[in-house]
């Protein structure tokens, strides 16, 4: 299997910066394109608001700060890719189910590989917060490279 397009979901964290650099290095070696993916967090997802609003009421609650932060993360990722001579495409997606959206984006952009980071929350943390990486691993037909 030849890898031509790599989907890399990032969130601006230190771990996702590691995914940026590792995927750019990999793409450079393979001559592949990076598809950087960010899904901004809506203000309804903040802990202070949990329980105050229904998911339906929060559908359009992506504030400008979250979207602006997501754009900044993509711009930083693009700068890293461009500095390495790697072609970069960006996707900013305002969604609730990030795991499903990542898989849809991978299909839509004809990606051959997904590179993600695992936060390493442990069993209790995964019970409370879930694991996007595990959900994608369970549902994806694409190879998944997990960085820790």
N, C-alpha and C. Protein backbone atom coordinates (compact mmCIF):
# COMPACT_ATOMS: atom_id res chain seq x y z
N UNK A 1 0.84 -1.19 0.00
CA UNK A 1 0.00 0.00 0.00
C UNK A 1 0.89 1.25 0.00
N UNK A 2 0.62 2.12 -0.93
CA UNK A 2 1.37 3.38 -0.98
C UNK A 2 0.58 4.45 -0.25
N UNK A 3 1.26 5.18 0.62
CA UNK A 3 0.61 6.23 1.40
C UNK A 3 0.87 7.56 0.71
N UNK A 4 -0.23 8.18 0.24
CA UNK A 4 -0.14 9.45 -0.47
C UNK A 4 -0.72 10.61 0.32
N UNK A 5 -1.68 10.29 1.22
CA UNK A 5 -2.37 11.35 1.97
C UNK A 5 -2.53 10.90 3.42
N UNK A 6 -2.09 11.75 4.35
CA UNK A 6 -2.10 11.42 5.77
C UNK A 6 -3.00 12.42 6.51
N UNK A 7 -4.02 11.91 7.18
CA UNK A 7 -4.89 12.75 8.00
C UNK A 7 -4.31 12.83 9.41
N UNK A 8 -4.17 14.07 9.91
CA UNK A 8 -3.59 14.26 11.24
C UNK A 8 -4.50 15.19 12.05
N UNK A 9 -5.35 14.63 12.92
CA UNK A 9 -6.17 15.45 13.80
C UNK A 9 -5.29 16.05 14.90
N UNK A 10 -5.40 17.35 15.12
CA UNK A 10 -4.61 18.04 16.15
C UNK A 10 -5.52 18.96 16.96
N UNK A 11 -5.04 19.32 18.17
CA UNK A 11 -5.85 20.19 19.02
C UNK A 11 -5.04 21.32 19.65
N UNK A 12 -3.78 21.43 19.29
CA UNK A 12 -2.95 22.50 19.84
C UNK A 12 -2.21 22.12 21.10
N UNK A 13 -2.39 20.90 21.59
CA UNK A 13 -1.70 20.46 22.79
C UNK A 13 -0.25 20.10 22.48
N UNK A 14 0.52 19.89 23.54
CA UNK A 14 1.91 19.49 23.36
C UNK A 14 2.00 18.14 22.64
N UNK A 15 1.10 17.24 22.97
CA UNK A 15 1.09 15.94 22.30
C UNK A 15 0.74 16.06 20.82
N UNK A 16 -0.20 16.93 20.49
CA UNK A 16 -0.54 17.07 19.08
C UNK A 16 0.58 17.75 18.31
N UNK A 17 1.39 18.57 18.99
CA UNK A 17 2.57 19.14 18.33
C UNK A 17 3.53 18.03 17.95
N UNK A 18 3.62 17.03 18.79
CA UNK A 18 4.45 15.86 18.48
C UNK A 18 3.92 15.15 17.23
N UNK A 19 2.60 15.04 17.12
CA UNK A 19 1.99 14.42 15.94
C UNK A 19 2.26 15.25 14.69
N UNK A 20 2.23 16.57 14.84
CA UNK A 20 2.53 17.45 13.70
C UNK A 20 3.92 17.14 13.14
N UNK A 21 4.91 17.18 14.03
CA UNK A 21 6.29 16.99 13.59
C UNK A 21 6.54 15.58 13.07
N UNK A 22 6.02 14.58 13.74
CA UNK A 22 6.21 13.19 13.31
C UNK A 22 5.55 12.96 11.95
N UNK A 23 4.33 13.49 11.77
CA UNK A 23 3.63 13.27 10.50
C UNK A 23 4.29 14.03 9.36
N UNK A 24 4.82 15.21 9.64
CA UNK A 24 5.53 15.97 8.60
C UNK A 24 6.79 15.22 8.19
N UNK A 25 7.52 14.68 9.16
CA UNK A 25 8.71 13.88 8.83
C UNK A 25 8.34 12.66 8.00
N UNK A 26 7.27 11.97 8.39
CA UNK A 26 6.82 10.80 7.65
C UNK A 26 6.37 11.18 6.24
N UNK A 27 5.58 12.24 6.14
CA UNK A 27 5.10 12.68 4.82
C UNK A 27 6.27 13.08 3.92
N UNK A 28 7.27 13.72 4.49
CA UNK A 28 8.45 14.10 3.72
C UNK A 28 9.17 12.88 3.16
N UNK A 29 9.28 11.84 3.96
CA UNK A 29 9.94 10.61 3.52
C UNK A 29 9.13 9.87 2.45
N UNK A 30 7.81 9.94 2.57
CA UNK A 30 6.94 9.21 1.66
C UNK A 30 6.50 10.03 0.45
N UNK A 31 6.74 11.34 0.48
CA UNK A 31 6.24 12.21 -0.57
C UNK A 31 4.72 12.36 -0.49
N UNK A 32 4.18 12.29 0.72
CA UNK A 32 2.74 12.33 0.94
C UNK A 32 2.28 13.75 1.28
N UNK A 33 0.98 13.96 1.17
CA UNK A 33 0.32 15.21 1.53
C UNK A 33 -0.22 15.06 2.95
N UNK A 34 -0.11 16.11 3.74
CA UNK A 34 -0.70 16.14 5.08
C UNK A 34 -2.06 16.83 5.00
N UNK A 35 -3.07 16.21 5.60
CA UNK A 35 -4.37 16.84 5.77
C UNK A 35 -4.50 17.09 7.27
N UNK A 36 -4.31 18.35 7.69
CA UNK A 36 -4.43 18.73 9.09
C UNK A 36 -5.89 18.94 9.44
N UNK A 37 -6.33 18.37 10.55
CA UNK A 37 -7.74 18.42 10.95
C UNK A 37 -7.88 18.96 12.36
N UNK A 38 -8.73 19.95 12.53
CA UNK A 38 -9.05 20.50 13.86
C UNK A 38 -10.55 20.64 13.99
N UNK A 39 -11.07 20.23 15.13
CA UNK A 39 -12.48 20.44 15.47
C UNK A 39 -12.50 21.31 16.72
N UNK A 40 -12.88 22.59 16.58
CA UNK A 40 -12.88 23.47 17.76
C UNK A 40 -13.89 22.99 18.80
N UNK A 41 -13.58 23.27 20.05
CA UNK A 41 -14.46 22.92 21.16
C UNK A 41 -15.50 24.03 21.29
N UNK A 42 -16.76 23.64 21.39
CA UNK A 42 -17.80 24.66 21.57
C UNK A 42 -17.83 25.09 23.02
N UNK A 43 -18.31 26.28 23.26
CA UNK A 43 -18.38 26.77 24.63
C UNK A 43 -19.36 25.95 25.47
N UNK A 44 -20.25 25.21 24.83
CA UNK A 44 -21.19 24.36 25.58
C UNK A 44 -20.50 23.15 26.17
N UNK A 45 -19.26 22.86 25.73
CA UNK A 45 -18.54 21.70 26.24
C UNK A 45 -17.71 22.04 27.46
N UNK A 46 -17.68 23.28 27.88
CA UNK A 46 -16.92 23.65 29.06
C UNK A 46 -17.54 23.02 30.29
N UNK A 47 -16.70 22.62 31.25
CA UNK A 47 -17.20 21.99 32.46
C UNK A 47 -18.21 22.86 33.19
N UNK A 48 -18.03 24.16 33.16
CA UNK A 48 -18.94 25.04 33.91
C UNK A 48 -20.35 25.04 33.34
N UNK A 49 -20.50 24.58 32.12
CA UNK A 49 -21.83 24.60 31.51
C UNK A 49 -22.47 23.23 31.40
N UNK A 50 -21.76 22.19 31.80
CA UNK A 50 -22.33 20.85 31.66
C UNK A 50 -23.63 20.78 32.46
N UNK A 51 -24.64 20.25 31.85
CA UNK A 51 -25.92 20.09 32.51
C UNK A 51 -26.83 21.30 32.36
N UNK A 52 -26.32 22.43 31.95
CA UNK A 52 -27.15 23.63 31.83
C UNK A 52 -27.91 23.69 30.52
N UNK A 53 -27.36 23.02 29.49
CA UNK A 53 -28.00 23.12 28.18
C UNK A 53 -28.05 21.76 27.54
N UNK A 54 -29.03 21.54 26.71
CA UNK A 54 -29.10 20.29 25.98
C UNK A 54 -28.15 20.35 24.79
N UNK A 55 -27.80 19.20 24.28
CA UNK A 55 -26.91 19.13 23.11
C UNK A 55 -27.56 19.83 21.91
N UNK A 56 -28.87 19.69 21.79
CA UNK A 56 -29.57 20.32 20.66
C UNK A 56 -29.47 21.84 20.73
N UNK A 57 -29.60 22.39 21.93
CA UNK A 57 -29.53 23.84 22.09
C UNK A 57 -28.13 24.36 21.85
N UNK A 58 -27.13 23.49 22.01
CA UNK A 58 -25.74 23.91 21.88
C UNK A 58 -25.18 23.72 20.48
N UNK A 59 -25.96 23.22 19.55
CA UNK A 59 -25.46 22.91 18.21
C UNK A 59 -24.69 24.05 17.56
N UNK A 60 -25.17 25.27 17.67
CA UNK A 60 -24.53 26.40 17.00
C UNK A 60 -23.68 27.24 17.95
N UNK A 61 -23.16 26.62 19.00
CA UNK A 61 -22.49 27.38 20.04
C UNK A 61 -20.96 27.36 19.93
N UNK A 62 -20.45 27.33 18.72
CA UNK A 62 -19.00 27.43 18.53
C UNK A 62 -18.66 28.91 18.55
N UNK A 63 -17.95 29.34 19.57
CA UNK A 63 -17.66 30.76 19.68
C UNK A 63 -16.45 31.13 18.83
N UNK A 64 -16.31 32.41 18.58
CA UNK A 64 -15.24 32.91 17.72
C UNK A 64 -13.86 32.61 18.29
N UNK A 65 -13.73 32.58 19.60
CA UNK A 65 -12.44 32.29 20.22
C UNK A 65 -12.01 30.86 19.90
N UNK A 66 -12.92 29.90 20.03
CA UNK A 66 -12.60 28.50 19.73
C UNK A 66 -12.24 28.32 18.27
N UNK A 67 -13.01 28.91 17.40
CA UNK A 67 -12.74 28.80 15.96
C UNK A 67 -11.42 29.50 15.63
N UNK A 68 -11.18 30.65 16.23
CA UNK A 68 -9.92 31.36 16.01
C UNK A 68 -8.73 30.56 16.49
N UNK A 69 -8.86 29.91 17.63
CA UNK A 69 -7.78 29.05 18.15
C UNK A 69 -7.54 27.88 17.21
N UNK A 70 -8.60 27.30 16.69
CA UNK A 70 -8.47 26.19 15.75
C UNK A 70 -7.75 26.63 14.49
N UNK A 71 -8.09 27.79 13.99
CA UNK A 71 -7.40 28.33 12.80
C UNK A 71 -5.92 28.56 13.07
N UNK A 72 -5.60 29.03 14.27
CA UNK A 72 -4.21 29.26 14.64
C UNK A 72 -3.43 27.94 14.68
N UNK A 73 -4.03 26.90 15.23
CA UNK A 73 -3.38 25.58 15.27
C UNK A 73 -3.11 25.10 13.85
N UNK A 74 -4.09 25.25 12.96
CA UNK A 74 -3.89 24.83 11.57
C UNK A 74 -2.81 25.66 10.89
N UNK A 75 -2.75 26.94 11.17
CA UNK A 75 -1.72 27.80 10.58
C UNK A 75 -0.33 27.38 11.06
N UNK A 76 -0.22 27.04 12.34
CA UNK A 76 1.07 26.57 12.87
C UNK A 76 1.47 25.25 12.22
N UNK A 77 0.52 24.37 12.05
CA UNK A 77 0.77 23.08 11.43
C UNK A 77 1.22 23.30 9.97
N UNK A 78 0.52 24.17 9.28
CA UNK A 78 0.89 24.47 7.89
C UNK A 78 2.30 25.04 7.80
N UNK A 79 2.68 25.89 8.73
CA UNK A 79 4.03 26.47 8.73
C UNK A 79 5.08 25.38 8.91
N UNK A 80 4.82 24.42 9.80
CA UNK A 80 5.76 23.31 10.01
C UNK A 80 5.88 22.49 8.73
N UNK A 81 4.75 22.19 8.12
CA UNK A 81 4.76 21.40 6.88
C UNK A 81 5.47 22.13 5.75
N UNK A 82 5.14 23.41 5.58
CA UNK A 82 5.75 24.18 4.49
C UNK A 82 7.26 24.31 4.68
N UNK A 83 7.70 24.49 5.91
CA UNK A 83 9.14 24.60 6.19
C UNK A 83 9.88 23.32 5.80
N UNK A 84 9.16 22.18 5.85
CA UNK A 84 9.76 20.90 5.49
C UNK A 84 9.52 20.55 4.02
N UNK A 85 8.82 21.43 3.31
CA UNK A 85 8.54 21.17 1.90
C UNK A 85 7.43 20.15 1.67
N UNK A 86 6.55 20.01 2.65
CA UNK A 86 5.44 19.04 2.56
C UNK A 86 4.16 19.78 2.22
N UNK A 87 3.42 19.26 1.25
CA UNK A 87 2.14 19.84 0.86
C UNK A 87 1.15 19.66 2.00
N UNK A 88 0.37 20.72 2.28
CA UNK A 88 -0.53 20.72 3.43
C UNK A 88 -1.91 21.20 3.01
N UNK A 89 -2.93 20.52 3.50
CA UNK A 89 -4.32 20.94 3.35
C UNK A 89 -4.92 21.01 4.74
N UNK A 90 -5.79 21.97 4.97
CA UNK A 90 -6.37 22.09 6.31
C UNK A 90 -7.87 21.88 6.27
N UNK A 91 -8.38 21.30 7.36
CA UNK A 91 -9.81 21.07 7.53
C UNK A 91 -10.19 21.53 8.93
N UNK A 92 -11.11 22.46 9.02
CA UNK A 92 -11.67 22.92 10.29
C UNK A 92 -13.13 22.49 10.29
N UNK A 93 -13.52 21.72 11.28
CA UNK A 93 -14.83 21.08 11.27
C UNK A 93 -15.52 21.32 12.60
N UNK A 94 -16.68 21.94 12.59
CA UNK A 94 -17.44 22.20 13.81
C UNK A 94 -18.44 21.06 14.01
N UNK A 95 -18.04 20.09 14.84
CA UNK A 95 -18.84 18.88 15.02
C UNK A 95 -18.94 18.52 16.50
N UNK A 96 -19.85 17.64 16.82
CA UNK A 96 -19.99 17.13 18.18
C UNK A 96 -19.28 15.78 18.33
N UNK A 97 -19.39 14.91 17.34
CA UNK A 97 -18.78 13.56 17.40
C UNK A 97 -17.49 13.58 16.60
N UNK A 98 -16.40 13.88 17.26
CA UNK A 98 -15.12 14.05 16.59
C UNK A 98 -14.66 12.74 15.96
N UNK A 99 -14.83 11.62 16.64
CA UNK A 99 -14.36 10.35 16.07
C UNK A 99 -15.03 10.06 14.73
N UNK A 100 -16.33 10.24 14.65
CA UNK A 100 -17.04 10.00 13.38
C UNK A 100 -16.62 11.02 12.32
N UNK A 101 -16.44 12.27 12.73
CA UNK A 101 -16.05 13.31 11.78
C UNK A 101 -14.65 13.06 11.22
N UNK A 102 -13.75 12.54 12.04
CA UNK A 102 -12.40 12.23 11.56
C UNK A 102 -12.48 11.16 10.48
N UNK A 103 -13.28 10.14 10.69
CA UNK A 103 -13.41 9.07 9.70
C UNK A 103 -14.05 9.58 8.41
N UNK A 104 -15.05 10.43 8.53
CA UNK A 104 -15.69 11.01 7.34
C UNK A 104 -14.67 11.88 6.59
N UNK A 105 -13.90 12.67 7.32
CA UNK A 105 -12.88 13.52 6.70
C UNK A 105 -11.83 12.69 5.99
N UNK A 106 -11.41 11.60 6.61
CA UNK A 106 -10.41 10.72 5.98
C UNK A 106 -10.93 10.17 4.65
N UNK A 107 -12.18 9.79 4.63
CA UNK A 107 -12.78 9.28 3.39
C UNK A 107 -12.93 10.39 2.36
N UNK A 108 -13.46 11.52 2.80
CA UNK A 108 -13.71 12.64 1.91
C UNK A 108 -12.42 13.15 1.24
N UNK A 109 -11.32 13.11 1.98
CA UNK A 109 -10.05 13.62 1.46
C UNK A 109 -9.13 12.50 0.95
N UNK A 110 -9.70 11.32 0.78
CA UNK A 110 -8.98 10.17 0.21
C UNK A 110 -7.66 9.88 0.93
N UNK A 111 -7.69 9.89 2.25
CA UNK A 111 -6.49 9.64 3.04
C UNK A 111 -6.20 8.14 3.10
N UNK A 112 -4.91 7.82 3.20
CA UNK A 112 -4.46 6.43 3.26
C UNK A 112 -4.02 6.03 4.67
N UNK A 113 -3.84 7.01 5.55
CA UNK A 113 -3.33 6.78 6.90
C UNK A 113 -3.84 7.88 7.82
N UNK A 114 -4.11 7.53 9.06
CA UNK A 114 -4.46 8.51 10.09
C UNK A 114 -3.37 8.46 11.15
N UNK A 115 -2.84 9.62 11.52
CA UNK A 115 -1.85 9.72 12.59
C UNK A 115 -2.50 10.48 13.74
N UNK A 116 -2.51 9.86 14.92
CA UNK A 116 -3.12 10.48 16.10
C UNK A 116 -2.23 10.29 17.31
N UNK A 117 -2.52 11.06 18.34
CA UNK A 117 -1.86 10.88 19.62
C UNK A 117 -2.85 10.28 20.60
N UNK A 118 -2.34 9.45 21.50
CA UNK A 118 -3.14 8.91 22.59
C UNK A 118 -2.75 9.69 23.84
N UNK A 119 -3.73 10.18 24.55
CA UNK A 119 -3.46 11.00 25.72
C UNK A 119 -3.00 10.19 26.92
N UNK A 120 -3.24 8.90 26.92
CA UNK A 120 -2.78 8.07 28.03
C UNK A 120 -3.46 8.38 29.33
N UNK A 121 -4.78 8.53 29.31
CA UNK A 121 -5.53 8.88 30.51
C UNK A 121 -5.67 7.72 31.48
N UNK A 122 -5.46 6.50 31.02
CA UNK A 122 -5.67 5.33 31.86
C UNK A 122 -7.12 4.88 31.79
N UNK A 123 -7.41 3.75 32.42
CA UNK A 123 -8.74 3.15 32.34
C UNK A 123 -9.82 4.06 32.92
N UNK A 124 -9.55 4.68 34.07
CA UNK A 124 -10.56 5.54 34.69
C UNK A 124 -10.83 6.79 33.84
N UNK A 125 -9.76 7.40 33.32
CA UNK A 125 -9.93 8.58 32.46
C UNK A 125 -10.69 8.25 31.19
N UNK A 126 -10.42 7.09 30.62
CA UNK A 126 -11.17 6.69 29.42
C UNK A 126 -12.63 6.42 29.75
N UNK A 127 -12.89 5.87 30.94
CA UNK A 127 -14.27 5.64 31.35
C UNK A 127 -15.02 6.97 31.44
N UNK A 128 -14.38 7.98 32.04
CA UNK A 128 -15.02 9.28 32.20
C UNK A 128 -15.13 10.06 30.90
N UNK A 129 -14.05 10.10 30.13
CA UNK A 129 -13.98 10.98 28.97
C UNK A 129 -14.04 10.26 27.64
N UNK A 130 -13.85 8.97 27.63
CA UNK A 130 -13.83 8.22 26.39
C UNK A 130 -12.47 8.34 25.72
N UNK A 131 -12.31 7.63 24.65
CA UNK A 131 -11.06 7.68 23.91
C UNK A 131 -11.37 7.81 22.43
N UNK A 132 -11.06 8.97 21.86
CA UNK A 132 -11.27 9.19 20.43
C UNK A 132 -10.42 8.20 19.63
N UNK A 133 -9.19 7.99 20.08
CA UNK A 133 -8.28 7.11 19.36
C UNK A 133 -8.84 5.69 19.31
N UNK A 134 -9.33 5.18 20.45
CA UNK A 134 -9.90 3.83 20.46
C UNK A 134 -11.15 3.74 19.59
N UNK A 135 -11.97 4.77 19.61
CA UNK A 135 -13.18 4.76 18.79
C UNK A 135 -12.82 4.72 17.31
N UNK A 136 -11.81 5.48 16.93
CA UNK A 136 -11.39 5.49 15.53
C UNK A 136 -10.74 4.16 15.16
N UNK A 137 -9.94 3.62 16.04
CA UNK A 137 -9.31 2.32 15.79
C UNK A 137 -10.37 1.25 15.57
N UNK A 138 -11.44 1.30 16.35
CA UNK A 138 -12.50 0.30 16.23
C UNK A 138 -13.29 0.43 14.93
N UNK A 139 -13.45 1.66 14.42
CA UNK A 139 -14.32 1.90 13.27
C UNK A 139 -13.59 2.12 11.95
N UNK A 140 -12.29 2.38 11.98
CA UNK A 140 -11.58 2.74 10.77
C UNK A 140 -11.14 1.53 9.96
N UNK A 141 -11.20 1.69 8.67
CA UNK A 141 -10.65 0.68 7.76
C UNK A 141 -9.26 1.09 7.30
N UNK A 142 -8.84 2.27 7.70
CA UNK A 142 -7.52 2.78 7.34
C UNK A 142 -6.51 2.41 8.42
N UNK A 143 -5.23 2.32 8.05
CA UNK A 143 -4.21 2.15 9.08
C UNK A 143 -4.19 3.37 9.99
N UNK A 144 -3.92 3.14 11.25
CA UNK A 144 -3.87 4.20 12.25
C UNK A 144 -2.52 4.13 12.97
N UNK A 145 -1.75 5.21 12.88
CA UNK A 145 -0.48 5.31 13.58
C UNK A 145 -0.74 6.12 14.85
N UNK A 146 -0.54 5.48 16.01
CA UNK A 146 -0.83 6.12 17.28
C UNK A 146 0.48 6.48 17.96
N UNK A 147 0.62 7.77 18.30
CA UNK A 147 1.80 8.26 19.01
C UNK A 147 1.41 8.51 20.45
N UNK A 148 2.36 8.28 21.35
CA UNK A 148 2.09 8.48 22.77
C UNK A 148 3.12 9.39 23.37
